Amino acid sequence: MGYKEEQAILNQQTEVPCPGGGRDQRCKMGDIIGKSSLRTSKGEYKFKSSDQYKAKDAIKKLIQRQEKFDKEVENMQKQLIRDVEKLQDNFGKAFSNILVTADKISKG
C-alpha cells in the first residue's frame, strides 16, 4: 500500500480559479503538487516548492495514518472474533452445566 493511494490522490481532478479572471482551469492535484507552474487562459501560477513539499508530506502522512487505522481495525476485528468465540464457549459450558448440576427427580 502507499503508492497506489498516493496516485489516487494525485489523480483527483480539481478546478483552479484563473488569476486573470478567466475561466477556471481543470487539472489534477498532481499537476499542482508536481509542476513548478500552471498556466490558465488569462494568467499563470508559479508554485513555491516548499508548499509543494508540505503537500506531498501531508499526503504521505495521511496515507500512513490510514494504513495504521486499517491495521488497528483489522486487529480489533480479530480480537472481537476471539472474544465472541470465548463467550460462546463459556455460554455452552454454563448451559450444559445447568443440566449436569440439576437435582434429578424420577417419577415412577
Protein backbone atom coordinates (compact mmCIF):
# COMPACT_ATOMS: atom_id res chain seq x y z
CA MET A 1 0.00 0.00 0.00
CA GLY A 2 1.03 3.61 -0.27
CA TYR A 3 1.95 4.26 -3.89
CA LYS A 4 -1.49 3.33 -5.21
CA GLU A 5 -3.25 5.54 -2.65
CA GLU A 6 -0.86 8.41 -3.36
CA GLN A 7 -1.55 8.17 -7.09
CA ALA A 8 -5.30 8.13 -6.43
CA ILE A 9 -4.98 11.43 -4.56
CA LEU A 10 -2.67 12.99 -7.15
CA ASN A 11 -5.05 11.97 -9.98
CA GLN A 12 -8.07 13.65 -8.39
CA GLN A 13 -9.47 16.43 -10.54
CA THR A 14 -9.75 19.95 -9.17
CA GLU A 15 -10.63 23.38 -10.54
CA VAL A 16 -8.27 26.28 -10.03
CA PRO A 17 -9.54 29.85 -10.45
CA CYS A 18 -7.81 31.81 -13.18
CA PRO A 19 -5.67 34.57 -11.61
CA GLY A 20 -6.50 36.86 -14.55
CA GLY A 21 -10.26 36.47 -14.17
CA GLY A 22 -10.74 33.94 -16.95
CA ARG A 23 -12.35 30.53 -16.88
CA ASP A 24 -11.42 28.11 -14.08
CA GLN A 25 -8.70 25.65 -15.06
CA ARG A 26 -9.41 21.94 -14.56
CA CYS A 27 -6.34 19.95 -13.61
CA LYS A 28 -5.14 17.08 -11.46
CA MET A 29 -3.83 17.65 -7.97
CA GLY A 30 -0.58 16.11 -9.15
CA ASP A 31 -0.23 18.96 -11.67
CA ILE A 32 -0.28 21.48 -8.82
CA ILE A 33 1.94 19.46 -6.49
CA GLY A 34 4.42 18.22 -9.08
CA LYS A 35 4.91 21.09 -11.53
CA SER A 36 6.58 24.43 -11.00
CA SER A 37 3.77 26.38 -12.64
CA LEU A 38 0.25 26.16 -14.06
CA ARG A 39 -0.97 28.27 -16.95
CA THR A 40 -4.58 29.33 -17.24
CA SER A 41 -6.38 31.19 -20.02
CA LYS A 42 -5.50 34.63 -18.63
CA GLY A 43 -2.73 34.05 -16.14
CA GLU A 44 -0.28 31.71 -14.53
CA TYR A 45 0.52 30.30 -11.11
CA LYS A 46 4.15 29.94 -10.05
CA PHE A 47 4.25 27.44 -7.20
CA LYS A 48 6.62 27.52 -4.24
CA SER A 49 8.49 24.25 -3.85
CA SER A 50 8.29 24.47 -0.05
CA ASP A 51 4.48 24.48 -0.21
CA GLN A 52 4.54 21.60 -2.68
CA TYR A 53 6.83 19.65 -0.35
CA LYS A 54 4.43 20.25 2.55
CA ALA A 55 1.53 18.98 0.43
CA LYS A 56 3.46 15.84 -0.59
CA ASP A 57 4.44 15.25 3.03
CA ALA A 58 0.82 15.69 4.14
CA ILE A 59 -0.31 13.11 1.57
CA LYS A 60 2.26 10.61 2.83
CA LYS A 61 1.24 11.19 6.45
CA LEU A 62 -2.43 10.85 5.52
CA ILE A 63 -1.76 7.52 3.80
CA GLN A 64 0.38 6.27 6.69
CA ARG A 65 -2.36 7.16 9.17
CA GLN A 66 -4.99 5.44 7.02
CA GLU A 67 -2.82 2.30 6.86
CA LYS A 68 -2.35 2.39 10.64
CA PHE A 69 -6.10 2.82 11.10
CA ASP A 70 -6.82 -0.13 8.79
CA LYS A 71 -4.41 -2.33 10.77
CA GLU A 72 -6.00 -1.27 14.05
CA VAL A 73 -9.48 -2.07 12.72
CA GLU A 74 -8.26 -5.47 11.49
CA ASN A 75 -6.73 -6.24 14.89
CA MET A 76 -9.91 -5.15 16.65
CA GLN A 77 -11.99 -7.41 14.38
CA LYS A 78 -9.73 -10.37 15.15
CA GLN A 79 -9.95 -9.64 18.88
CA LEU A 80 -13.74 -9.33 18.67
CA ILE A 81 -13.98 -12.71 16.93
CA ARG A 82 -11.80 -14.30 19.64
CA ASP A 83 -13.90 -12.68 22.37
CA VAL A 84 -17.19 -13.83 20.81
CA GLU A 85 -15.88 -17.38 20.39
CA LYS A 86 -14.77 -17.43 24.03
CA LEU A 87 -18.13 -16.06 25.20
CA GLN A 88 -19.99 -18.66 23.12
CA ASP A 89 -17.83 -21.40 24.60
CA ASN A 90 -18.45 -20.08 28.12
CA PHE A 91 -22.19 -19.97 27.45
CA GLY A 92 -22.17 -23.54 26.10
CA LYS A 93 -20.35 -24.78 29.19
CA ALA A 94 -22.61 -22.84 31.55
CA PHE A 95 -25.74 -24.07 29.78
CA SER A 96 -24.69 -27.73 29.86
CA ASN A 97 -23.66 -27.30 33.48
CA ILE A 98 -27.29 -26.41 34.29
CA LEU A 99 -28.34 -29.95 33.34
CA VAL A 100 -25.35 -31.64 34.95
CA THR A 101 -25.78 -29.96 38.33
CA ALA A 102 -29.59 -30.01 38.44
CA ASP A 103 -31.35 -32.08 41.06
CA LYS A 104 -32.78 -35.02 39.20
CA ILE A 105 -36.14 -36.43 40.29
CA SER A 106 -37.52 -39.61 38.78
CA LYS A 107 -41.23 -40.34 38.61
CA GLY A 108 -42.21 -43.81 38.81
